Amino acid sequence: MIENLREMIDGLTEKEAKTLLYHIFLRVNLVEETQYSQEQFFTDVSEIYKRILNYKANQMHNEENGLHKKVHIIFGDSASGCLRAALKGLGVNQEEKVITFSSLFSIGPVWQLHTEEGRKERKEWFTKHFRYSEEDATHYIQCFQNALGEISSIPSDVPITIWTGENAHEQTGLRFVLYLLNEKANDITVINATKAHAAYFNQAELTYTVLHTGEIVPEKLQAIYEKSRLNQLLSLQDRKRLAEEWLRLADTNEVLRIWKNGYVQSITEEWFDPHVIQAAQELHSKQKKKDFVKAARVIGEALGSLEQYVGDEFLEYRLRMLIGQNVFEAVGSLEAMRYYSVRLR
């Protein structure tokens, strides 16, 4: 119920949220300045709560059962937000649905992720190593389950566009989703947004490397989509090949993946440790005396040196592991990167 409430609140428009607050504040004022009782206040607010829940439930039901002309599947919340804005700019946001996987597929276990057992293992790993609260972990798995349910509910006659990029996160997600769609007969198109960005927007005198779709502004994503409308459908052979590649990934136990030479490669979790150490060395070199440096600054420096997309949470996890191995010493609380500083021993 709490998850449904969170989803309902997230789905409120600004006008709906302001109207709800107005009615609640109005009744608080009536309690303080009139004979309006607290019992009546509770009754009225409960009624408002029920009406809002029913309204949003009906709205979501209508959206889910609406006649969408196309479904987009995308990986990452930032990429999803940019795509939604791009579709709105094109005036097709009401007829083209977006399904989002928020999870970062380049990190964490993906062993048997297409099964409940695999999803449980992934949740437990993130809870243990990224210090997720039980509420965060439950919300994470609920969002994942919602995306799975939305994919299984796609009508067979609705074309699907899957957005990907030149990185292990989106390429792993692409293979995972194609495995899920293995039994569906829908037409499927794939848009490699980062590759398209390089082709359409990079110039000889100005080259900007985009690591993932979430780094592309909506205006450019809109242009990429318009230019990609005539992309060829993904062939049955490619669909089968990529789904099989997913099964190979789903048999691995590594918790880190990179994109190299056109393949997703599973590697040891220590792979990027040298980048973290080098970032600290460079920061120390700018000091008169080697002193403690904010952990967030070390992570930021290391992240900027990578040609792979793994996110700051993973690098911060590795920094804590290096502290435990006595590579770094730390002062402050390790509860979050903003609370502590580190120094190479």
C-alpha atoms as a PDB file:
ATOM      1  CA  MET A   1       0.000   0.000   0.000  1.00  0.00           C
ATOM      2  CA  ILE A   2       2.854   2.374   0.834  1.00  0.00           C
ATOM      3  CA  GLU A   3       4.417   1.702  -2.578  1.00  0.00           C
ATOM      4  CA  ASN A   4       1.074   2.438  -4.287  1.00  0.00           C
ATOM      5  CA  LEU A   5       0.815   5.678  -2.294  1.00  0.00           C
ATOM      6  CA  ARG A   6       4.349   6.717  -3.310  1.00  0.00           C
ATOM      7  CA  GLU A   7       3.557   5.974  -6.958  1.00  0.00           C
ATOM      8  CA  MET A   8       0.292   7.905  -6.746  1.00  0.00           C
ATOM      9  CA  ILE A   9       2.014  10.978  -5.253  1.00  0.00           C
ATOM     10  CA  ASP A  10       4.766  10.841  -7.882  1.00  0.00           C
ATOM     11  CA  GLY A  11       2.053  10.821 -10.541  1.00  0.00           C
ATOM     12  CA  LEU A  12       0.290  13.976  -9.326  1.00  0.00           C
ATOM     13  CA  THR A  13       0.530  16.974 -11.598  1.00  0.00           C
ATOM     14  CA  GLU A  14       1.578  20.306 -10.084  1.00  0.00           C
ATOM     15  CA  LYS A  15      -2.022  21.535 -10.260  1.00  0.00           C
ATOM     16  CA  GLU A  16      -3.357  18.368  -8.585  1.00  0.00           C
ATOM     17  CA  ALA A  17      -0.758  18.595  -5.803  1.00  0.00           C
ATOM     18  CA  LYS A  18      -1.530  22.275  -5.145  1.00  0.00           C
ATOM     19  CA  THR A  19      -5.272  21.585  -5.065  1.00  0.00           C
ATOM     20  CA  LEU A  20      -4.753  18.747  -2.577  1.00  0.00           C
ATOM     21  CA  LEU A  21      -2.600  20.935  -0.331  1.00  0.00           C
ATOM     22  CA  TYR A  22      -5.166  23.762  -0.527  1.00  0.00           C
ATOM     23  CA  HIS A  23      -7.991  21.535   0.713  1.00  0.00           C
ATOM     24  CA  ILE A  24      -5.872  20.145   3.567  1.00  0.00           C
ATOM     25  CA  PHE A  25      -4.581  23.585   4.652  1.00  0.00           C
ATOM     26  CA  LEU A  26      -8.088  25.048   4.409  1.00  0.00           C
ATOM     27  CA  ARG A  27      -9.384  22.451   6.848  1.00  0.00           C
ATOM     28  CA  VAL A  28      -6.449  22.992   9.226  1.00  0.00           C
ATOM     29  CA  ASN A  29      -7.373  26.687   9.243  1.00  0.00           C
ATOM     30  CA  LEU A  30     -11.029  25.839   9.925  1.00  0.00           C
ATOM     31  CA  VAL A  31     -10.030  23.696  12.922  1.00  0.00           C
ATOM     32  CA  GLU A  32      -8.007  26.578  14.383  1.00  0.00           C
ATOM     33  CA  GLU A  33     -10.467  29.408  13.729  1.00  0.00           C
ATOM     34  CA  THR A  34     -13.988  27.910  13.710  1.00  0.00           C
ATOM     35  CA  GLN A  35     -16.093  25.232  15.400  1.00  0.00           C
ATOM     36  CA  TYR A  36     -14.931  22.731  12.796  1.00  0.00           C
ATOM     37  CA  SER A  37     -13.867  19.722  14.896  1.00  0.00           C
ATOM     38  CA  GLN A  38     -10.764  17.574  14.626  1.00  0.00           C
ATOM     39  CA  GLU A  39     -13.023  14.543  14.164  1.00  0.00           C
ATOM     40  CA  GLN A  40     -14.665  16.200  11.150  1.00  0.00           C
ATOM     41  CA  PHE A  41     -11.212  17.203   9.884  1.00  0.00           C
ATOM     42  CA  PHE A  42     -10.078  13.564   9.976  1.00  0.00           C
ATOM     43  CA  THR A  43     -13.276  12.406   8.282  1.00  0.00           C
ATOM     44  CA  ASP A  44     -12.997  14.976   5.489  1.00  0.00           C
ATOM     45  CA  VAL A  45      -9.285  14.377   4.863  1.00  0.00           C
ATOM     46  CA  SER A  46      -9.915  10.607   4.782  1.00  0.00           C
ATOM     47  CA  GLU A  47     -12.582  11.188   2.164  1.00  0.00           C
ATOM     48  CA  ILE A  48     -10.239  13.378   0.100  1.00  0.00           C
ATOM     49  CA  TYR A  49      -7.576  10.658   0.384  1.00  0.00           C
ATOM     50  CA  LYS A  50      -9.986   7.999  -0.893  1.00  0.00           C
ATOM     51  CA  ARG A  51     -11.195  10.189  -3.767  1.00  0.00           C
ATOM     52  CA  ILE A  52      -7.630  10.954  -4.871  1.00  0.00           C
ATOM     53  CA  LEU A  53      -6.668   7.267  -4.691  1.00  0.00           C
ATOM     54  CA  ASN A  54      -9.670   6.238  -6.770  1.00  0.00           C
ATOM     55  CA  TYR A  55      -9.107   9.036  -9.281  1.00  0.00           C
ATOM     56  CA  LYS A  56      -5.433   8.168  -9.804  1.00  0.00           C
ATOM     57  CA  ALA A  57      -6.170   4.431  -9.906  1.00  0.00           C
ATOM     58  CA  ASN A  58      -8.734   4.970 -12.656  1.00  0.00           C
ATOM     59  CA  GLN A  59      -6.354   7.302 -14.486  1.00  0.00           C
ATOM     60  CA  MET A  60      -3.534   4.737 -14.364  1.00  0.00           C
ATOM     61  CA  HIS A  61      -5.931   1.993 -15.485  1.00  0.00           C
ATOM     62  CA  ASN A  62      -7.016   4.092 -18.461  1.00  0.00           C
ATOM     63  CA  GLU A  63      -3.406   4.846 -19.389  1.00  0.00           C
ATOM     64  CA  GLU A  64      -2.387   1.186 -19.138  1.00  0.00           C
ATOM     65  CA  ASN A  65      -5.280   0.101 -21.291  1.00  0.00           C
ATOM     66  CA  GLY A  66      -5.053   2.949 -23.742  1.00  0.00           C
ATOM     67  CA  LEU A  67      -4.256   2.360 -27.395  1.00  0.00           C
ATOM     68  CA  HIS A  68      -0.579   3.222 -27.609  1.00  0.00           C
ATOM     69  CA  LYS A  69       0.824   3.373 -31.105  1.00  0.00           C
ATOM     70  CA  LYS A  70       4.340   2.536 -29.929  1.00  0.00           C
ATOM     71  CA  VAL A  71       6.215   1.468 -26.816  1.00  0.00           C
ATOM     72  CA  HIS A  72       9.701   2.688 -25.923  1.00  0.00           C
ATOM     73  CA  ILE A  73      11.934   0.755 -23.526  1.00  0.00           C
ATOM     74  CA  ILE A  74      14.798   2.687 -22.000  1.00  0.00           C
ATOM     75  CA  PHE A  75      17.377   2.214 -19.239  1.00  0.00           C
ATOM     76  CA  GLY A  76      17.937   4.747 -16.463  1.00  0.00           C
ATOM     77  CA  ASP A  77      15.764   7.457 -14.935  1.00  0.00           C
ATOM     78  CA  SER A  78      17.702  10.352 -16.471  1.00  0.00           C
ATOM     79  CA  ALA A  79      17.451   8.790 -19.941  1.00  0.00           C
ATOM     80  CA  SER A  80      13.744   8.174 -19.387  1.00  0.00           C
ATOM     81  CA  GLY A  81      13.130  11.785 -18.386  1.00  0.00           C
ATOM     82  CA  CYS A  82      14.949  13.078 -21.457  1.00  0.00           C
ATOM     83  CA  LEU A  83      13.025  10.725 -23.738  1.00  0.00           C
ATOM     84  CA  ARG A  84       9.664  11.718 -22.247  1.00  0.00           C
ATOM     85  CA  ALA A  85      10.535  15.369 -22.790  1.00  0.00           C
ATOM     86  CA  ALA A  86      11.576  14.608 -26.389  1.00  0.00           C
ATOM     87  CA  LEU A  87       8.314  12.774 -27.096  1.00  0.00           C
ATOM     88  CA  LYS A  88       6.361  15.652 -25.580  1.00  0.00           C
ATOM     89  CA  GLY A  89       8.231  18.053 -27.857  1.00  0.00           C
ATOM     90  CA  LEU A  90       7.133  15.955 -30.813  1.00  0.00           C
ATOM     91  CA  GLY A  91       3.531  15.907 -29.565  1.00  0.00           C
ATOM     92  CA  VAL A  92       3.402  12.093 -29.327  1.00  0.00           C
ATOM     93  CA  ASN A  93       3.782  11.594 -25.576  1.00  0.00           C
ATOM     94  CA  GLN A  94       0.134  10.557 -25.197  1.00  0.00           C
ATOM     95  CA  GLU A  95       0.296   7.870 -27.875  1.00  0.00           C
ATOM     96  CA  GLU A  96       3.802   6.525 -27.328  1.00  0.00           C
ATOM     97  CA  LYS A  97       4.439   4.841 -23.988  1.00  0.00           C
ATOM     98  CA  VAL A  98       7.795   4.749 -22.159  1.00  0.00           C
ATOM     99  CA  ILE A  99       8.802   1.746 -20.025  1.00  0.00           C
ATOM    100  CA  THR A 100      11.794   2.419 -17.797  1.00  0.00           C
ATOM    101  CA  PHE A 101      14.289   0.151 -16.081  1.00  0.00           C
ATOM    102  CA  SER A 102      15.867   2.365 -13.422  1.00  0.00           C
ATOM    103  CA  SER A 103      18.515  -0.188 -12.460  1.00  0.00           C
ATOM    104  CA  LEU A 104      22.150   0.289 -13.555  1.00  0.00           C
ATOM    105  CA  PHE A 105      22.885  -2.933 -15.437  1.00  0.00           C
ATOM    106  CA  SER A 106      26.661  -2.486 -15.612  1.00  0.00           C
ATOM    107  CA  ILE A 107      27.007  -3.113 -11.864  1.00  0.00           C
ATOM    108  CA  GLY A 108      25.653  -5.672  -9.427  1.00  0.00           C
ATOM    109  CA  PRO A 109      24.923  -9.339 -10.074  1.00  0.00           C
ATOM    110  CA  VAL A 110      22.801 -10.238 -13.107  1.00  0.00           C
ATOM    111  CA  TRP A 111      22.910 -13.971 -12.455  1.00  0.00           C
ATOM    112  CA  GLN A 112      19.511 -15.380 -13.518  1.00  0.00           C
ATOM    113  CA  LEU A 113      18.010 -11.888 -13.315  1.00  0.00           C
ATOM    114  CA  HIS A 114      15.081 -13.050 -15.449  1.00  0.00           C
ATOM    115  CA  THR A 115      14.009 -15.231 -12.494  1.00  0.00           C
ATOM    116  CA  GLU A 116      12.690 -14.296  -9.065  1.00  0.00           C
ATOM    117  CA  GLU A 117      15.700 -15.944  -7.442  1.00  0.00           C
ATOM    118  CA  GLY A 118      18.096 -13.814  -9.480  1.00  0.00           C
ATOM    119  CA  ARG A 119      16.226 -10.609  -8.692  1.00  0.00           C
ATOM    120  CA  LYS A 120      16.319 -11.467  -4.988  1.00  0.00           C
ATOM    121  CA  GLU A 121      20.087 -11.995  -5.148  1.00  0.00           C
ATOM    122  CA  ARG A 122      20.575  -8.652  -6.900  1.00  0.00           C
ATOM    123  CA  LYS A 123      18.455  -6.853  -4.312  1.00  0.00           C
ATOM    124  CA  GLU A 124      20.413  -8.443  -1.451  1.00  0.00           C
ATOM    125  CA  TRP A 125      23.744  -7.467  -3.015  1.00  0.00           C
ATOM    126  CA  PHE A 126      22.757  -3.808  -3.360  1.00  0.00           C
ATOM    127  CA  THR A 127      21.322  -3.769   0.163  1.00  0.00           C
ATOM    128  CA  LYS A 128      24.557  -5.144   1.601  1.00  0.00           C
ATOM    129  CA  HIS A 129      27.164  -3.243  -0.417  1.00  0.00           C
ATOM    130  CA  PHE A 130      25.392   0.037  -1.212  1.00  0.00           C
ATOM    131  CA  ARG A 131      23.753   0.306   2.226  1.00  0.00           C
ATOM    132  CA  TYR A 132      20.215   0.514   0.861  1.00  0.00           C
ATOM    133  CA  SER A 133      17.520   0.771   3.498  1.00  0.00           C
ATOM    134  CA  GLU A 134      14.813  -1.862   3.459  1.00  0.00           C
ATOM    135  CA  GLU A 135      12.424   0.770   2.090  1.00  0.00           C
ATOM    136  CA  ASP A 136      14.846   1.679  -0.719  1.00  0.00           C
ATOM    137  CA  ALA A 137      15.438  -1.974  -1.569  1.00  0.00           C
ATOM    138  CA  THR A 138      11.718  -2.715  -1.625  1.00  0.00           C
ATOM    139  CA  HIS A 139      11.057   0.323  -3.821  1.00  0.00           C
ATOM    140  CA  TYR A 140      13.853  -0.776  -6.179  1.00  0.00           C
ATOM    141  CA  ILE A 141      12.466  -4.288  -6.615  1.00  0.00           C
ATOM    142  CA  GLN A 142       8.894  -2.974  -6.978  1.00  0.00           C
ATOM    143  CA  CYS A 143       9.932  -0.629  -9.808  1.00  0.00           C
ATOM    144  CA  PHE A 144      11.756  -3.513 -11.479  1.00  0.00           C
ATOM    145  CA  GLN A 145       8.699  -5.749 -11.170  1.00  0.00           C
ATOM    146  CA  ASN A 146       6.479  -2.996 -12.568  1.00  0.00           C
ATOM    147  CA  ALA A 147       8.682  -2.701 -15.662  1.00  0.00           C
ATOM    148  CA  LEU A 148       8.572  -6.477 -16.150  1.00  0.00           C
ATOM    149  CA  GLY A 149       4.785  -6.408 -15.888  1.00  0.00           C
ATOM    150  CA  GLU A 150       4.506  -3.570 -18.394  1.00  0.00           C
ATOM    151  CA  ILE A 151       6.651  -5.467 -20.905  1.00  0.00           C
ATOM    152  CA  SER A 152       4.607  -8.642 -20.575  1.00  0.00           C
ATOM    153  CA  SER A 153       1.432  -6.584 -21.183  1.00  0.00           C
ATOM    154  CA  ILE A 154       2.545  -5.037 -24.491  1.00  0.00           C
ATOM    155  CA  PRO A 155       0.000  -6.012 -27.187  1.00  0.00           C
ATOM    156  CA  SER A 156       1.526  -8.072 -29.998  1.00  0.00           C
ATOM    157  CA  ASP A 157       0.604  -5.526 -32.696  1.00  0.00           C
ATOM    158  CA  VAL A 158       2.351  -2.546 -31.052  1.00  0.00           C
ATOM    159  CA  PRO A 159       5.866  -1.780 -32.364  1.00  0.00           C
ATOM    160  CA  ILE A 160       8.659  -1.507 -29.795  1.00  0.00           C
ATOM    161  CA  THR A 161      11.690   0.780 -29.809  1.00  0.00           C
ATOM    162  CA  ILE A 162      14.552  -0.107 -27.463  1.00  0.00           C
ATOM    163  CA  TRP A 163      17.044   2.657 -26.668  1.00  0.00           C
ATOM    164  CA  THR A 164      20.644   1.704 -26.016  1.00  0.00           C
ATOM    165  CA  GLY A 165      24.161   3.152 -26.123  1.00  0.00           C
ATOM    166  CA  GLU A 166      27.835   2.286 -26.311  1.00  0.00           C
ATOM    167  CA  ASN A 167      28.115   1.156 -22.692  1.00  0.00           C
ATOM    168  CA  ALA A 168      27.687  -2.019 -20.650  1.00  0.00           C
ATOM    169  CA  HIS A 169      24.665  -0.634 -18.792  1.00  0.00           C
ATOM    170  CA  GLU A 170      22.414  -0.146 -21.817  1.00  0.00           C
ATOM    171  CA  GLN A 171      23.856  -3.042 -23.822  1.00  0.00           C
ATOM    172  CA  THR A 172      23.231  -5.461 -20.947  1.00  0.00           C
ATOM    173  CA  GLY A 173      19.724  -4.025 -20.597  1.00  0.00           C
ATOM    174  CA  LEU A 174      19.134  -4.476 -24.332  1.00  0.00           C
ATOM    175  CA  ARG A 175      20.022  -8.164 -24.151  1.00  0.00           C
ATOM    176  CA  PHE A 176      17.930  -8.677 -21.024  1.00  0.00           C
ATOM    177  CA  VAL A 177      14.853  -7.077 -22.591  1.00  0.00           C
ATOM    178  CA  LEU A 178      15.228  -8.981 -25.860  1.00  0.00           C
ATOM    179  CA  TYR A 179      15.261 -12.194 -23.860  1.00  0.00           C
ATOM    180  CA  LEU A 180      12.030 -11.097 -22.147  1.00  0.00           C
ATOM    181  CA  LEU A 181      10.518 -10.360 -25.590  1.00  0.00           C
ATOM    182  CA  ASN A 182      11.715 -13.649 -27.045  1.00  0.00           C
ATOM    183  CA  GLU A 183       8.211 -15.093 -27.397  1.00  0.00           C
ATOM    184  CA  LYS A 184       6.603 -11.893 -28.685  1.00  0.00           C
ATOM    185  CA  ALA A 185       6.028 -11.193 -32.368  1.00  0.00           C
ATOM    186  CA  ASN A 186       6.194  -7.378 -32.112  1.00  0.00           C
ATOM    187  CA  ASP A 187       8.272  -5.389 -34.580  1.00  0.00           C
ATOM    188  CA  ILE A 188      11.372  -4.209 -32.712  1.00  0.00           C
ATOM    189  CA  THR A 189      13.643  -1.304 -33.573  1.00  0.00           C
ATOM    190  CA  VAL A 190      16.847  -0.445 -31.711  1.00  0.00           C
ATOM    191  CA  ILE A 191      18.211   3.097 -31.472  1.00  0.00           C
ATOM    192  CA  ASN A 192      21.824   3.430 -30.355  1.00  0.00           C
ATOM    193  CA  ALA A 193      21.562   6.954 -28.990  1.00  0.00           C
ATOM    194  CA  THR A 194      25.226   7.554 -28.154  1.00  0.00           C
ATOM    195  CA  LYS A 195      26.384   6.334 -31.554  1.00  0.00           C
ATOM    196  CA  ALA A 196      23.729   8.485 -33.245  1.00  0.00           C
ATOM    197  CA  HIS A 197      24.798  11.492 -31.172  1.00  0.00           C
ATOM    198  CA  ALA A 198      28.381  11.116 -32.394  1.00  0.00           C
ATOM    199  CA  ALA A 199      27.217  10.781 -36.013  1.00  0.00           C
ATOM    200  CA  TYR A 200      24.807  13.731 -36.003  1.00  0.00           C
ATOM    201  CA  PHE A 201      26.357  16.253 -33.615  1.00  0.00           C
ATOM    202  CA  ASN A 202      30.120  15.761 -33.373  1.00  0.00           C
ATOM    203  CA  GLN A 203      32.197  17.963 -35.633  1.00  0.00           C
ATOM    204  CA  ALA A 204      35.841  17.768 -36.648  1.00  0.00           C
ATOM    205  CA  GLU A 205      36.754  20.708 -34.420  1.00  0.00           C
ATOM    206  CA  LEU A 206      34.376  19.792 -31.577  1.00  0.00           C
ATOM    207  CA  THR A 207      33.996  16.218 -30.347  1.00  0.00           C
ATOM    208  CA  TYR A 208      31.992  15.409 -27.227  1.00  0.00           C
ATOM    209  CA  THR A 209      31.889  11.831 -25.977  1.00  0.00           C
ATOM    210  CA  VAL A 210      28.533  10.816 -24.549  1.00  0.00           C
ATOM    211  CA  LEU A 211      28.775   7.772 -22.267  1.00  0.00           C
ATOM    212  CA  HIS A 212      25.075   6.985 -22.007  1.00  0.00           C
ATOM    213  CA  THR A 213      21.669   8.124 -23.255  1.00  0.00           C
ATOM    214  CA  GLY A 214      20.930  10.005 -20.031  1.00  0.00           C
ATOM    215  CA  GLU A 215      23.631  12.548 -20.944  1.00  0.00           C
ATOM    216  CA  ILE A 216      21.817  13.606 -24.135  1.00  0.00           C
ATOM    217  CA  VAL A 217      19.565  16.648 -23.820  1.00  0.00           C
ATOM    218  CA  PRO A 218      15.914  16.214 -24.902  1.00  0.00           C
ATOM    219  CA  GLU A 219      16.284  18.467 -27.971  1.00  0.00           C
ATOM    220  CA  LYS A 220      19.074  16.281 -29.370  1.00  0.00           C
ATOM    221  CA  LEU A 221      17.282  13.090 -28.365  1.00  0.00           C
ATOM    222  CA  GLN A 222      14.248  14.353 -30.253  1.00  0.00           C
ATOM    223  CA  ALA A 223      16.379  14.910 -33.366  1.00  0.00           C
ATOM    224  CA  ILE A 224      17.919  11.450 -33.010  1.00  0.00           C
ATOM    225  CA  TYR A 225      14.470   9.886 -32.771  1.00  0.00           C
ATOM    226  CA  GLU A 226      13.203  11.727 -35.851  1.00  0.00           C
ATOM    227  CA  LYS A 227      16.261  10.693 -37.874  1.00  0.00           C
ATOM    228  CA  SER A 228      15.932   7.085 -36.675  1.00  0.00           C
ATOM    229  CA  ARG A 229      12.265   6.570 -37.556  1.00  0.00           C
ATOM    230  CA  LEU A 230      13.252   4.689 -40.706  1.00  0.00           C
ATOM    231  CA  ASN A 231      15.718   2.381 -38.952  1.00  0.00           C
ATOM    232  CA  GLN A 232      15.477  -1.215 -40.089  1.00  0.00           C
ATOM    233  CA  LEU A 233      13.665  -3.644 -37.838  1.00  0.00           C
ATOM    234  CA  LEU A 234      15.841  -5.869 -35.713  1.00  0.00           C
ATOM    235  CA  SER A 235      16.102  -9.166 -37.585  1.00  0.00           C
ATOM    236  CA  LEU A 236      14.997 -12.450 -36.044  1.00  0.00           C
ATOM    237  CA  GLN A 237      18.602 -13.632 -36.212  1.00  0.00           C
ATOM    238  CA  ASP A 238      19.837 -10.629 -34.247  1.00  0.00           C
ATOM    239  CA  ARG A 239      17.015 -10.946 -31.748  1.00  0.00           C
ATOM    240  CA  LYS A 240      17.938 -14.572 -31.159  1.00  0.00           C
ATOM    241  CA  ARG A 241      21.672 -13.819 -30.965  1.00  0.00           C
ATOM    242  CA  LEU A 242      21.254 -11.026 -28.424  1.00  0.00           C
ATOM    243  CA  ALA A 243      18.842 -13.093 -26.321  1.00  0.00           C
ATOM    244  CA  GLU A 244      21.413 -15.899 -26.268  1.00  0.00           C
ATOM    245  CA  GLU A 245      24.080 -13.412 -25.213  1.00  0.00           C
ATOM    246  CA  TRP A 246      21.831 -12.525 -22.303  1.00  0.00           C
ATOM    247  CA  LEU A 247      21.704 -16.169 -21.205  1.00  0.00           C
ATOM    248  CA  ARG A 248      25.498 -16.273 -21.193  1.00  0.00           C
ATOM    249  CA  LEU A 249      25.605 -13.127 -19.063  1.00  0.00           C
ATOM    250  CA  ALA A 250      22.948 -14.576 -16.767  1.00  0.00           C
ATOM    251  CA  ASP A 251      25.257 -17.507 -16.009  1.00  0.00           C
ATOM    252  CA  THR A 252      28.042 -15.249 -14.687  1.00  0.00           C
ATOM    253  CA  ASN A 253      28.653 -14.295 -11.059  1.00  0.00           C
ATOM    254  CA  GLU A 254      30.704 -11.121 -11.553  1.00  0.00           C
ATOM    255  CA  VAL A 255      29.248  -7.831 -10.305  1.00  0.00           C
ATOM    256  CA  LEU A 256      30.902  -5.534 -12.846  1.00  0.00           C
ATOM    257  CA  ARG A 257      30.641  -5.315 -16.636  1.00  0.00           C
ATOM    258  CA  ILE A 258      32.323  -3.162 -19.284  1.00  0.00           C
ATOM    259  CA  TRP A 259      31.635  -2.557 -22.978  1.00  0.00           C
ATOM    260  CA  LYS A 260      34.670  -3.420 -25.087  1.00  0.00           C
ATOM    261  CA  ASN A 261      35.105  -4.285 -28.760  1.00  0.00           C
ATOM    262  CA  GLY A 262      31.357  -4.576 -29.263  1.00  0.00           C
ATOM    263  CA  TYR A 263      30.761  -7.012 -26.405  1.00  0.00           C
ATOM    264  CA  VAL A 264      29.636  -6.880 -22.801  1.00  0.00           C
ATOM    265  CA  GLN A 265      32.487  -8.297 -20.757  1.00  0.00           C
ATOM    266  CA  SER A 266      32.171  -9.462 -17.152  1.00  0.00           C
ATOM    267  CA  ILE A 267      35.191  -8.442 -15.059  1.00  0.00           C
ATOM    268  CA  THR A 268      36.337  -8.469 -11.446  1.00  0.00           C
ATOM    269  CA  GLU A 269      34.966  -5.755  -9.189  1.00  0.00           C
ATOM    270  CA  GLU A 270      38.503  -4.438  -8.521  1.00  0.00           C
ATOM    271  CA  TRP A 271      38.887  -3.397 -12.184  1.00  0.00           C
ATOM    272  CA  PHE A 272      38.544   0.349 -11.561  1.00  0.00           C
ATOM    273  CA  ASP A 273      40.506   0.483  -8.274  1.00  0.00           C
ATOM    274  CA  PRO A 274      43.617   1.893 -10.029  1.00  0.00           C
ATOM    275  CA  HIS A 275      41.516   4.828 -11.273  1.00  0.00           C
ATOM    276  CA  VAL A 276      40.406   5.616  -7.709  1.00  0.00           C
ATOM    277  CA  ILE A 277      43.995   5.431  -6.444  1.00  0.00           C
ATOM    278  CA  GLN A 278      45.309   7.546  -9.323  1.00  0.00           C
ATOM    279  CA  ALA A 279      42.631  10.181  -8.697  1.00  0.00           C
ATOM    280  CA  ALA A 280      43.765  10.448  -5.070  1.00  0.00           C
ATOM    281  CA  GLN A 281      47.425  10.633  -6.132  1.00  0.00           C
ATOM    282  CA  GLU A 282      46.689  13.532  -8.477  1.00  0.00           C
ATOM    283  CA  LEU A 283      44.780  15.391  -5.787  1.00  0.00           C
ATOM    284  CA  HIS A 284      47.600  14.819  -3.294  1.00  0.00           C
ATOM    285  CA  SER A 285      50.115  16.143  -5.833  1.00  0.00           C
ATOM    286  CA  LYS A 286      48.354  19.522  -5.724  1.00  0.00           C
ATOM    287  CA  GLN A 287      48.715  19.773  -1.939  1.00  0.00           C
ATOM    288  CA  LYS A 288      51.724  21.235  -0.152  1.00  0.00           C
ATOM    289  CA  LYS A 289      51.507  18.372   2.303  1.00  0.00           C
ATOM    290  CA  LYS A 290      49.635  15.118   1.698  1.00  0.00           C
ATOM    291  CA  ASP A 291      46.413  15.630   3.580  1.00  0.00           C
ATOM    292  CA  PHE A 292      42.898  14.233   3.694  1.00  0.00           C
ATOM    293  CA  VAL A 293      40.659  14.844   0.686  1.00  0.00           C
ATOM    294  CA  LYS A 294      36.861  14.684   0.599  1.00  0.00           C
ATOM    295  CA  ALA A 295      35.780  11.240  -0.571  1.00  0.00           C
ATOM    296  CA  ALA A 296      33.255  12.787  -2.964  1.00  0.00           C
ATOM    297  CA  ARG A 297      36.056  14.714  -4.664  1.00  0.00           C
ATOM    298  CA  VAL A 298      38.143  11.569  -5.144  1.00  0.00           C
ATOM    299  CA  ILE A 299      35.115   9.768  -6.599  1.00  0.00           C
ATOM    300  CA  GLY A 300      34.367  12.696  -8.898  1.00  0.00           C
ATOM    301  CA  GLU A 301      37.946  12.780 -10.204  1.00  0.00           C
ATOM    302  CA  ALA A 302      37.958   9.016 -10.782  1.00  0.00           C
ATOM    303  CA  LEU A 303      34.584   9.087 -12.483  1.00  0.00           C
ATOM    304  CA  GLY A 304      35.769  11.764 -14.883  1.00  0.00           C
ATOM    305  CA  SER A 305      38.674   9.588 -16.002  1.00  0.00           C
ATOM    306  CA  LEU A 306      36.550   6.579 -16.965  1.00  0.00           C
ATOM    307  CA  GLU A 307      35.422   5.685 -20.455  1.00  0.00           C
ATOM    308  CA  GLN A 308      32.845   3.317 -18.971  1.00  0.00           C
ATOM    309  CA  TYR A 309      29.529   4.060 -17.264  1.00  0.00           C
ATOM    310  CA  VAL A 310      29.361   2.553 -13.777  1.00  0.00           C
ATOM    311  CA  GLY A 311      28.077   5.413 -11.600  1.00  0.00           C
ATOM    312  CA  ASP A 312      29.474   7.035  -8.471  1.00  0.00           C
ATOM    313  CA  GLU A 313      27.886   4.572  -6.032  1.00  0.00           C
ATOM    314  CA  PHE A 314      30.006   1.711  -7.325  1.00  0.00           C
ATOM    315  CA  LEU A 315      33.249   3.691  -7.136  1.00  0.00           C
ATOM    316  CA  GLU A 316      32.388   4.822  -3.611  1.00  0.00           C
ATOM    317  CA  TYR A 317      31.780   1.175  -2.677  1.00  0.00           C
ATOM    318  CA  ARG A 318      35.243   0.329  -4.026  1.00  0.00           C
ATOM    319  CA  LEU A 319      36.772   3.240  -2.099  1.00  0.00           C
ATOM    320  CA  ARG A 320      35.358   1.793   1.119  1.00  0.00           C
ATOM    321  CA  MET A 321      36.816  -1.602   0.200  1.00  0.00           C
ATOM    322  CA  LEU A 322      40.225   0.022  -0.350  1.00  0.00           C
ATOM    323  CA  ILE A 323      39.943   1.658   3.071  1.00  0.00           C
ATOM    324  CA  GLY A 324      39.317  -1.789   4.534  1.00  0.00           C
ATOM    325  CA  GLN A 325      42.432  -3.067   2.741  1.00  0.00           C
ATOM    326  CA  ASN A 326      44.523  -0.238   4.277  1.00  0.00           C
ATOM    327  CA  VAL A 327      45.216   1.372   0.899  1.00  0.00           C
ATOM    328  CA  PHE A 328      43.501   4.517   2.204  1.00  0.00           C
ATOM    329  CA  GLU A 329      43.002   5.868   5.685  1.00  0.00           C
ATOM    330  CA  ALA A 330      39.781   7.705   6.472  1.00  0.00           C
ATOM    331  CA  VAL A 331      38.368  10.235   8.911  1.00  0.00           C
ATOM    332  CA  GLY A 332      34.677  10.784   9.493  1.00  0.00           C
ATOM    333  CA  SER A 333      31.671   8.531   9.085  1.00  0.00           C
ATOM    334  CA  LEU A 334      31.565   6.050   6.202  1.00  0.00           C
ATOM    335  CA  GLU A 335      27.764   6.170   6.158  1.00  0.00           C
ATOM    336  CA  ALA A 336      27.853   8.357   3.034  1.00  0.00           C
ATOM    337  CA  MET A 337      30.623   9.792   0.873  1.00  0.00           C
ATOM    338  CA  ARG A 338      29.850  13.361   1.921  1.00  0.00           C
ATOM    339  CA  TYR A 339      30.648  12.501   5.552  1.00  0.00           C
ATOM    340  CA  TYR A 340      34.260  11.342   5.256  1.00  0.00           C
ATOM    341  CA  SER A 341      37.659  12.173   3.808  1.00  0.00           C
ATOM    342  CA  VAL A 342      40.486   9.902   2.728  1.00  0.00           C
ATOM    343  CA  ARG A 343      44.258   9.910   2.344  1.00  0.00           C
ATOM    344  CA  LEU A 344      46.514   7.388   0.663  1.00  0.00           C
ATOM    345  CA  ARG A 345      48.744   5.565   3.129  1.00  0.00           C
END
